[in-house]
Amino acid sequence: METSTLRWIIIIIGVLVLGSIFLFGNPDKKRQPSASRKKEKPLNERREPTLNEGPTENIPPVESDMGDRTAAYFREPDQGELLVEPPAAATPEPPRRPRKPAGPPPEKIKSLFLLSRDNHLINGAELLQATIKTGMEFGDMDIFHRMDDTTEKPIFSLANAAKPGHFDRDAWNTFETSGVVLFMALPGPVPGLDAWESMFATARRIGEILHADVLDDDHNPFTRLKEAQIREEMREYDRSKS
C-alpha cells in the first residue's frame, strides 16, 4: 500500500474514532496525584555542602497524549560532580528533511457504524469470526480490510469505533468493544457504487453475526431513504469520473 494512502487511512480513522467517542464511551484516565512536597527545613539550620551530593527529588512521570499508547518518564541529570573543564560546544543538529506531503485527500469518505445491542460488548473471538465469515483480512494499520484482488488495495476497511481505533493482534482473548466502524475512501480501486454496495452488504452481515445495529455516518439508524440517497450519490460520482 502506498505511503500516502496509509497516511490518509490514519487521518480517517482518527476522525471516525473522535466522532464516535460519545456513543461508545472512553473516559480519560485520571492522572495520579502528585507527590506531596517535602517538609521545609528551618531557615536557621546550617548545612555543609558536599561535592558528591546530587538532587534528591525526581520529576514525576509525564504521560504522553499520543494515542494513550506510551508514557515518557524524565529524570534530572546527575549534577553532583564539579566541572573542571568548560563544556564543549554543542554540536549543531543537522537540518531535518522536510516531510513528504501526504498526497491529495480523498474526494469522498463514506462510513457505517455498528453498535452492539443491549449494552453487549463485542469480544475478540466474536469479531474475528464475523470478519472471517465476511472475507475481511487483518492487515495494514492493525485494522481489517476488504482487498481488491486486481490492485491489492483496500476497497473498504473496518476499525474499532472506540479509542485507539486499531486492534491489538496479540490481545484478542481480552479484547472488548461496543462497536466498530466500516469506511471507504474515494477514489478507490473499484467504482464508487460497487464499493458502497459491497461495504453495505458486509455491514449488514456483520451486524447479524454480532447482534449489532447499523448506523449511518451521523450515528443515526440507517433507513431505506438514506440507502437510496447514498446509492444515487455514488452513481453521480461514478458518472463524473467516466
C-alpha atoms as a PDB file:
ATOM      1  CA  MET A   1       0.000   0.000   0.000  1.00  0.00           C
ATOM      2  CA  GLU A   2       1.356   3.461  -0.859  1.00  0.00           C
ATOM      3  CA  THR A   3       2.614   5.749   1.916  1.00  0.00           C
ATOM      4  CA  SER A   4       0.143   8.494   1.030  1.00  0.00           C
ATOM      5  CA  THR A   5      -2.751   6.032   1.272  1.00  0.00           C
ATOM      6  CA  LEU A   6      -1.582   4.853   4.709  1.00  0.00           C
ATOM      7  CA  ARG A   7      -1.383   8.426   5.971  1.00  0.00           C
ATOM      8  CA  TRP A   8      -4.901   9.212   4.854  1.00  0.00           C
ATOM      9  CA  ILE A   9      -6.168   5.978   6.440  1.00  0.00           C
ATOM     10  CA  ILE A  10      -4.651   7.162   9.742  1.00  0.00           C
ATOM     11  CA  ILE A  11      -6.400  10.539   9.380  1.00  0.00           C
ATOM     12  CA  ILE A  12      -9.722   8.882   8.501  1.00  0.00           C
ATOM     13  CA  ILE A  13      -9.534   6.527  11.485  1.00  0.00           C
ATOM     14  CA  GLY A  14      -8.788   9.433  13.813  1.00  0.00           C
ATOM     15  CA  VAL A  15     -11.773  11.440  12.590  1.00  0.00           C
ATOM     16  CA  LEU A  16     -14.136   8.467  12.845  1.00  0.00           C
ATOM     17  CA  VAL A  17     -12.962   7.495  16.327  1.00  0.00           C
ATOM     18  CA  LEU A  18     -13.313  11.050  17.643  1.00  0.00           C
ATOM     19  CA  GLY A  19     -16.807  11.247  16.179  1.00  0.00           C
ATOM     20  CA  SER A  20     -17.875   8.041  17.925  1.00  0.00           C
ATOM     21  CA  ILE A  21     -16.470   8.634  21.404  1.00  0.00           C
ATOM     22  CA  PHE A  22     -19.773   9.964  22.739  1.00  0.00           C
ATOM     23  CA  LEU A  23     -21.531   6.807  21.504  1.00  0.00           C
ATOM     24  CA  PHE A  24     -19.180   4.153  22.738  1.00  0.00           C
ATOM     25  CA  GLY A  25     -17.598   5.957  25.659  1.00  0.00           C
ATOM     26  CA  ASN A  26     -13.956   6.038  26.629  1.00  0.00           C
ATOM     27  CA  PRO A  27     -13.345   8.123  29.718  1.00  0.00           C
ATOM     28  CA  ASP A  28      -9.869   9.501  30.080  1.00  0.00           C
ATOM     29  CA  LYS A  29      -7.708   8.008  32.742  1.00  0.00           C
ATOM     30  CA  LYS A  30      -7.377  10.144  35.796  1.00  0.00           C
ATOM     31  CA  ARG A  31      -3.900  11.400  36.433  1.00  0.00           C
ATOM     32  CA  GLN A  32      -2.165  10.148  39.543  1.00  0.00           C
ATOM     33  CA  PRO A  33      -1.979  12.698  42.388  1.00  0.00           C
ATOM     34  CA  SER A  34       1.333  14.474  42.534  1.00  0.00           C
ATOM     35  CA  ALA A  35       3.766  13.562  45.293  1.00  0.00           C
ATOM     36  CA  SER A  36       3.496  15.582  48.458  1.00  0.00           C
ATOM     37  CA  ARG A  37       6.081  18.252  48.977  1.00  0.00           C
ATOM     38  CA  LYS A  38       8.948  17.596  51.342  1.00  0.00           C
ATOM     39  CA  LYS A  39       8.833  19.247  54.704  1.00  0.00           C
ATOM     40  CA  GLU A  40      10.631  22.586  54.595  1.00  0.00           C
ATOM     41  CA  LYS A  41      13.763  22.904  56.725  1.00  0.00           C
ATOM     42  CA  PRO A  42      14.207  25.705  59.259  1.00  0.00           C
ATOM     43  CA  LEU A  43      15.947  28.748  57.909  1.00  0.00           C
ATOM     44  CA  ASN A  44      18.493  28.848  60.749  1.00  0.00           C
ATOM     45  CA  GLU A  45      19.736  25.321  60.132  1.00  0.00           C
ATOM     46  CA  ARG A  46      23.240  25.300  58.623  1.00  0.00           C
ATOM     47  CA  ARG A  47      24.279  22.538  56.269  1.00  0.00           C
ATOM     48  CA  GLU A  48      27.784  21.860  54.966  1.00  0.00           C
ATOM     49  CA  PRO A  49      27.948  21.396  51.170  1.00  0.00           C
ATOM     50  CA  THR A  50      29.475  18.227  49.707  1.00  0.00           C
ATOM     51  CA  LEU A  51      30.875  17.615  46.255  1.00  0.00           C
ATOM     52  CA  ASN A  52      29.118  14.301  45.549  1.00  0.00           C
ATOM     53  CA  GLU A  53      25.696  15.299  46.662  1.00  0.00           C
ATOM     54  CA  GLY A  54      23.120  15.480  43.842  1.00  0.00           C
ATOM     55  CA  PRO A  55      19.406  16.247  43.643  1.00  0.00           C
ATOM     56  CA  THR A  56      17.240  14.097  45.867  1.00  0.00           C
ATOM     57  CA  GLU A  57      13.932  14.624  44.105  1.00  0.00           C
ATOM     58  CA  ASN A  58      12.851  13.236  40.755  1.00  0.00           C
ATOM     59  CA  ILE A  59      10.449  14.833  38.367  1.00  0.00           C
ATOM     60  CA  PRO A  60       7.118  12.903  38.442  1.00  0.00           C
ATOM     61  CA  PRO A  61       6.202  10.806  35.378  1.00  0.00           C
ATOM     62  CA  VAL A  62       4.610  12.678  32.489  1.00  0.00           C
ATOM     63  CA  GLU A  63       2.012  10.828  30.491  1.00  0.00           C
ATOM     64  CA  SER A  64       2.126  11.152  26.747  1.00  0.00           C
ATOM     65  CA  ASP A  65      -1.014  12.227  24.903  1.00  0.00           C
ATOM     66  CA  MET A  66      -0.071  10.468  21.648  1.00  0.00           C
ATOM     67  CA  GLY A  67      -2.983   7.993  21.405  1.00  0.00           C
ATOM     68  CA  ASP A  68      -2.523   6.875  25.096  1.00  0.00           C
ATOM     69  CA  ARG A  69      -0.096   4.236  23.842  1.00  0.00           C
ATOM     70  CA  THR A  70       3.128   5.204  25.692  1.00  0.00           C
ATOM     71  CA  ALA A  71       4.244   7.123  28.773  1.00  0.00           C
ATOM     72  CA  ALA A  72       7.538   9.013  28.849  1.00  0.00           C
ATOM     73  CA  TYR A  73       9.480   9.381  32.082  1.00  0.00           C
ATOM     74  CA  PHE A  74      12.090  12.095  32.581  1.00  0.00           C
ATOM     75  CA  ARG A  75      14.734  12.438  35.259  1.00  0.00           C
ATOM     76  CA  GLU A  76      17.087  15.352  36.048  1.00  0.00           C
ATOM     77  CA  PRO A  77      20.736  14.639  35.102  1.00  0.00           C
ATOM     78  CA  ASP A  78      23.175  13.995  37.910  1.00  0.00           C
ATOM     79  CA  GLN A  79      24.892  17.276  38.810  1.00  0.00           C
ATOM     80  CA  GLY A  80      26.960  16.020  41.737  1.00  0.00           C
ATOM     81  CA  GLU A  81      30.416  16.347  40.092  1.00  0.00           C
ATOM     82  CA  LEU A  82      32.050  19.713  39.697  1.00  0.00           C
ATOM     83  CA  LEU A  83      33.021  20.784  36.201  1.00  0.00           C
ATOM     84  CA  VAL A  84      36.802  21.039  35.973  1.00  0.00           C
ATOM     85  CA  GLU A  85      36.819  21.997  32.282  1.00  0.00           C
ATOM     86  CA  PRO A  86      34.321  24.174  30.433  1.00  0.00           C
ATOM     87  CA  PRO A  87      31.744  22.160  28.482  1.00  0.00           C
ATOM     88  CA  ALA A  88      32.473  21.518  24.832  1.00  0.00           C
ATOM     89  CA  ALA A  89      30.493  23.486  22.319  1.00  0.00           C
ATOM     90  CA  ALA A  90      27.268  21.751  21.379  1.00  0.00           C
ATOM     91  CA  THR A  91      27.309  20.056  18.008  1.00  0.00           C
ATOM     92  CA  PRO A  92      24.720  21.695  15.763  1.00  0.00           C
ATOM     93  CA  GLU A  93      21.906  19.357  14.742  1.00  0.00           C
ATOM     94  CA  PRO A  94      21.709  18.541  11.050  1.00  0.00           C
ATOM     95  CA  PRO A  95      18.756  20.159   9.289  1.00  0.00           C
ATOM     96  CA  ARG A  96      15.677  17.982   9.260  1.00  0.00           C
ATOM     97  CA  ARG A  97      14.491  16.643   5.981  1.00  0.00           C
ATOM     98  CA  PRO A  98      11.091  18.025   5.013  1.00  0.00           C
ATOM     99  CA  ARG A  99       8.270  15.510   5.332  1.00  0.00           C
ATOM    100  CA  LYS A 100       6.797  14.227   2.136  1.00  0.00           C
ATOM    101  CA  PRO A 101       3.294  15.521   1.516  1.00  0.00           C
ATOM    102  CA  ALA A 102       0.552  13.040   2.346  1.00  0.00           C
ATOM    103  CA  GLY A 103      -0.881  13.360  -1.129  1.00  0.00           C
ATOM    104  CA  PRO A 104      -4.286  14.656  -2.121  1.00  0.00           C
ATOM    105  CA  PRO A 105      -7.100  13.984   0.348  1.00  0.00           C
ATOM    106  CA  PRO A 106      -9.912  11.592  -0.563  1.00  0.00           C
ATOM    107  CA  GLU A 107     -12.701  13.158  -2.575  1.00  0.00           C
ATOM    108  CA  LYS A 108     -15.365  11.257  -0.609  1.00  0.00           C
ATOM    109  CA  ILE A 109     -15.462   9.251   2.597  1.00  0.00           C
ATOM    110  CA  LYS A 110     -18.401   7.033   3.488  1.00  0.00           C
ATOM    111  CA  SER A 111     -18.749   5.220   6.788  1.00  0.00           C
ATOM    112  CA  LEU A 112     -21.144   2.900   8.592  1.00  0.00           C
ATOM    113  CA  PHE A 113     -21.154   2.268  12.334  1.00  0.00           C
ATOM    114  CA  LEU A 114     -22.139  -0.980  14.029  1.00  0.00           C
ATOM    115  CA  LEU A 115     -23.348  -0.554  17.628  1.00  0.00           C
ATOM    116  CA  SER A 116     -23.984  -3.660  19.729  1.00  0.00           C
ATOM    117  CA  ARG A 117     -27.458  -4.041  21.193  1.00  0.00           C
ATOM    118  CA  ASP A 118     -28.442  -4.109  24.864  1.00  0.00           C
ATOM    119  CA  ASN A 119     -25.060  -2.801  26.033  1.00  0.00           C
ATOM    120  CA  HIS A 120     -23.427  -6.046  24.937  1.00  0.00           C
ATOM    121  CA  LEU A 121     -19.652  -5.898  24.489  1.00  0.00           C
ATOM    122  CA  ILE A 122     -18.240  -7.485  21.344  1.00  0.00           C
ATOM    123  CA  ASN A 123     -15.269  -9.674  22.250  1.00  0.00           C
ATOM    124  CA  GLY A 124     -12.276 -10.620  20.162  1.00  0.00           C
ATOM    125  CA  ALA A 125     -13.479 -14.112  19.258  1.00  0.00           C
ATOM    126  CA  GLU A 126     -16.813 -12.782  18.001  1.00  0.00           C
ATOM    127  CA  LEU A 127     -15.168 -10.076  15.899  1.00  0.00           C
ATOM    128  CA  LEU A 128     -12.674 -12.499  14.346  1.00  0.00           C
ATOM    129  CA  GLN A 129     -15.485 -14.884  13.452  1.00  0.00           C
ATOM    130  CA  ALA A 130     -17.500 -12.097  11.832  1.00  0.00           C
ATOM    131  CA  THR A 131     -14.588 -10.787   9.762  1.00  0.00           C
ATOM    132  CA  ILE A 132     -13.582 -14.259   8.584  1.00  0.00           C
ATOM    133  CA  LYS A 133     -17.143 -15.047   7.504  1.00  0.00           C
ATOM    134  CA  THR A 134     -17.336 -11.787   5.515  1.00  0.00           C
ATOM    135  CA  GLY A 135     -13.980 -12.149   3.777  1.00  0.00           C
ATOM    136  CA  MET A 136     -12.091  -9.371   5.549  1.00  0.00           C
ATOM    137  CA  GLU A 137      -8.348  -9.550   6.220  1.00  0.00           C
ATOM    138  CA  PHE A 138      -6.329  -8.192   9.116  1.00  0.00           C
ATOM    139  CA  GLY A 139      -3.528  -6.032   7.751  1.00  0.00           C
ATOM    140  CA  ASP A 140      -2.097  -2.527   7.446  1.00  0.00           C
ATOM    141  CA  MET A 141      -2.640  -0.128  10.348  1.00  0.00           C
ATOM    142  CA  ASP A 142      -3.755  -3.102  12.512  1.00  0.00           C
ATOM    143  CA  ILE A 143      -7.311  -2.974  11.141  1.00  0.00           C
ATOM    144  CA  PHE A 144      -9.347  -5.163   8.780  1.00  0.00           C
ATOM    145  CA  HIS A 145      -9.667  -4.638   5.016  1.00  0.00           C
ATOM    146  CA  ARG A 146     -11.655  -5.971   2.067  1.00  0.00           C
ATOM    147  CA  MET A 147      -8.939  -6.122  -0.577  1.00  0.00           C
ATOM    148  CA  ASP A 148      -9.292  -5.791  -4.328  1.00  0.00           C
ATOM    149  CA  ASP A 149      -7.709  -8.860  -5.942  1.00  0.00           C
ATOM    150  CA  THR A 150      -6.505  -6.941  -9.007  1.00  0.00           C
ATOM    151  CA  THR A 151      -4.833  -3.918  -7.424  1.00  0.00           C
ATOM    152  CA  GLU A 152      -4.254  -5.352  -3.910  1.00  0.00           C
ATOM    153  CA  LYS A 153      -5.644  -2.122  -2.459  1.00  0.00           C
ATOM    154  CA  PRO A 154      -8.421  -1.884   0.155  1.00  0.00           C
ATOM    155  CA  ILE A 155     -11.946  -1.360  -1.126  1.00  0.00           C
ATOM    156  CA  PHE A 156     -13.116  -0.562   2.403  1.00  0.00           C
ATOM    157  CA  SER A 157     -11.823  -1.126   5.924  1.00  0.00           C
ATOM    158  CA  LEU A 158     -13.065  -1.908   9.432  1.00  0.00           C
ATOM    159  CA  ALA A 159     -11.700  -0.267  12.587  1.00  0.00           C
ATOM    160  CA  ASN A 160     -12.549  -0.123  16.270  1.00  0.00           C
ATOM    161  CA  ALA A 161     -15.120   2.597  16.957  1.00  0.00           C
ATOM    162  CA  ALA A 162     -13.524   3.306  20.342  1.00  0.00           C
ATOM    163  CA  LYS A 163     -10.051   4.565  21.135  1.00  0.00           C
ATOM    164  CA  PRO A 164      -7.434   3.950  19.892  1.00  0.00           C
ATOM    165  CA  GLY A 165      -9.194   2.787  16.699  1.00  0.00           C
ATOM    166  CA  HIS A 166      -6.891  -0.095  15.845  1.00  0.00           C
ATOM    167  CA  PHE A 167      -6.769  -3.678  17.157  1.00  0.00           C
ATOM    168  CA  ASP A 168      -4.011  -5.458  19.070  1.00  0.00           C
ATOM    169  CA  ARG A 169      -3.296  -8.720  17.267  1.00  0.00           C
ATOM    170  CA  ASP A 170      -1.874 -10.216  20.476  1.00  0.00           C
ATOM    171  CA  ALA A 171      -4.839  -9.364  22.720  1.00  0.00           C
ATOM    172  CA  TRP A 172      -7.856 -10.983  21.075  1.00  0.00           C
ATOM    173  CA  ASN A 173      -8.583 -13.022  24.217  1.00  0.00           C
ATOM    174  CA  THR A 174      -9.097  -9.861  26.266  1.00  0.00           C
ATOM    175  CA  PHE A 175     -10.445  -7.503  23.597  1.00  0.00           C
ATOM    176  CA  GLU A 176     -13.891  -5.922  24.057  1.00  0.00           C
ATOM    177  CA  THR A 177     -15.669  -3.060  22.306  1.00  0.00           C
ATOM    178  CA  SER A 178     -19.156  -1.600  21.993  1.00  0.00           C
ATOM    179  CA  GLY A 179     -18.940  -1.134  18.247  1.00  0.00           C
ATOM    180  CA  VAL A 180     -16.909  -0.973  15.052  1.00  0.00           C
ATOM    181  CA  VAL A 181     -16.867   1.287  12.017  1.00  0.00           C
ATOM    182  CA  LEU A 182     -16.575   0.450   8.319  1.00  0.00           C
ATOM    183  CA  PHE A 183     -15.319   3.162   5.998  1.00  0.00           C
ATOM    184  CA  MET A 184     -14.346   3.655   2.354  1.00  0.00           C
ATOM    185  CA  ALA A 185     -12.451   6.439   0.607  1.00  0.00           C
ATOM    186  CA  LEU A 186     -12.969   7.527  -2.988  1.00  0.00           C
ATOM    187  CA  PRO A 187     -11.475   7.322  -5.495  1.00  0.00           C
ATOM    188  CA  GLY A 188     -10.653   3.704  -4.841  1.00  0.00           C
ATOM    189  CA  PRO A 189      -9.705   0.560  -6.727  1.00  0.00           C
ATOM    190  CA  VAL A 190     -13.324  -0.079  -7.853  1.00  0.00           C
ATOM    191  CA  PRO A 191     -16.215   2.204  -8.856  1.00  0.00           C
ATOM    192  CA  GLY A 192     -17.896   4.064  -6.021  1.00  0.00           C
ATOM    193  CA  LEU A 193     -21.256   2.307  -6.295  1.00  0.00           C
ATOM    194  CA  ASP A 194     -19.636  -1.141  -6.324  1.00  0.00           C
ATOM    195  CA  ALA A 195     -17.544  -0.271  -3.267  1.00  0.00           C
ATOM    196  CA  TRP A 196     -20.581   1.069  -1.422  1.00  0.00           C
ATOM    197  CA  GLU A 197     -22.764  -1.947  -2.234  1.00  0.00           C
ATOM    198  CA  SER A 198     -20.028  -4.290  -1.002  1.00  0.00           C
ATOM    199  CA  MET A 199     -19.448  -2.337   2.217  1.00  0.00           C
ATOM    200  CA  PHE A 200     -23.164  -2.029   2.975  1.00  0.00           C
ATOM    201  CA  ALA A 201     -23.775  -5.755   2.457  1.00  0.00           C
ATOM    202  CA  THR A 202     -20.793  -6.572   4.671  1.00  0.00           C
ATOM    203  CA  ALA A 203     -22.007  -4.201   7.397  1.00  0.00           C
ATOM    204  CA  ARG A 204     -25.440  -5.827   7.457  1.00  0.00           C
ATOM    205  CA  ARG A 205     -23.931  -9.330   7.596  1.00  0.00           C
ATOM    206  CA  ILE A 206     -21.530  -8.413  10.400  1.00  0.00           C
ATOM    207  CA  GLY A 207     -24.422  -6.747  12.221  1.00  0.00           C
ATOM    208  CA  GLU A 208     -26.371 -10.021  12.063  1.00  0.00           C
ATOM    209  CA  ILE A 209     -23.429 -12.015  13.399  1.00  0.00           C
ATOM    210  CA  LEU A 210     -22.593  -9.591  16.212  1.00  0.00           C
ATOM    211  CA  HIS A 211     -26.209  -8.628  17.015  1.00  0.00           C
ATOM    212  CA  ALA A 212     -25.389  -5.005  16.265  1.00  0.00           C
ATOM    213  CA  ASP A 213     -27.390  -2.169  14.700  1.00  0.00           C
ATOM    214  CA  VAL A 214     -26.205  -0.424  11.531  1.00  0.00           C
ATOM    215  CA  LEU A 215     -25.917   3.363  11.900  1.00  0.00           C
ATOM    216  CA  ASP A 216     -25.140   5.955   9.246  1.00  0.00           C
ATOM    217  CA  ASP A 217     -22.193   8.340   9.325  1.00  0.00           C
ATOM    218  CA  ASP A 218     -24.218  10.711  11.560  1.00  0.00           C
ATOM    219  CA  HIS A 219     -24.779   7.886  14.085  1.00  0.00           C
ATOM    220  CA  ASN A 220     -28.470   7.645  13.214  1.00  0.00           C
ATOM    221  CA  PRO A 221     -30.338   4.410  12.438  1.00  0.00           C
ATOM    222  CA  PHE A 222     -29.773   3.516   8.798  1.00  0.00           C
ATOM    223  CA  THR A 223     -33.026   3.870   6.836  1.00  0.00           C
ATOM    224  CA  ARG A 224     -34.127   2.879   3.329  1.00  0.00           C
ATOM    225  CA  LEU A 225     -34.275   6.553   2.413  1.00  0.00           C
ATOM    226  CA  LYS A 226     -30.654   7.020   3.449  1.00  0.00           C
ATOM    227  CA  GLU A 227     -29.707   3.920   1.479  1.00  0.00           C
ATOM    228  CA  ALA A 228     -31.363   5.263  -1.674  1.00  0.00           C
ATOM    229  CA  GLN A 229     -29.718   8.676  -1.248  1.00  0.00           C
ATOM    230  CA  ILE A 230     -26.241   7.185  -0.968  1.00  0.00           C
ATOM    231  CA  ARG A 231     -26.761   4.918  -3.964  1.00  0.00           C
ATOM    232  CA  GLU A 232     -27.750   7.901  -6.074  1.00  0.00           C
ATOM    233  CA  GLU A 233     -24.782   9.865  -4.744  1.00  0.00           C
ATOM    234  CA  MET A 234     -22.436   7.031  -5.768  1.00  0.00           C
ATOM    235  CA  ARG A 235     -23.989   6.872  -9.247  1.00  0.00           C
ATOM    236  CA  GLU A 236     -23.429  10.611  -9.699  1.00  0.00           C
ATOM    237  CA  TYR A 237     -19.845  10.256  -8.536  1.00  0.00           C
ATOM    238  CA  ASP A 238     -19.132   7.427 -10.971  1.00  0.00           C
ATOM    239  CA  ARG A 239     -20.694   9.375 -13.833  1.00  0.00           C
ATOM    240  CA  SER A 240     -18.457  12.345 -13.039  1.00  0.00           C
ATOM    241  CA  LYS A 241     -15.397  10.099 -13.334  1.00  0.00           C
ATOM    242  CA  SER A 242     -16.374   8.386 -16.565  1.00  0.00           C
END
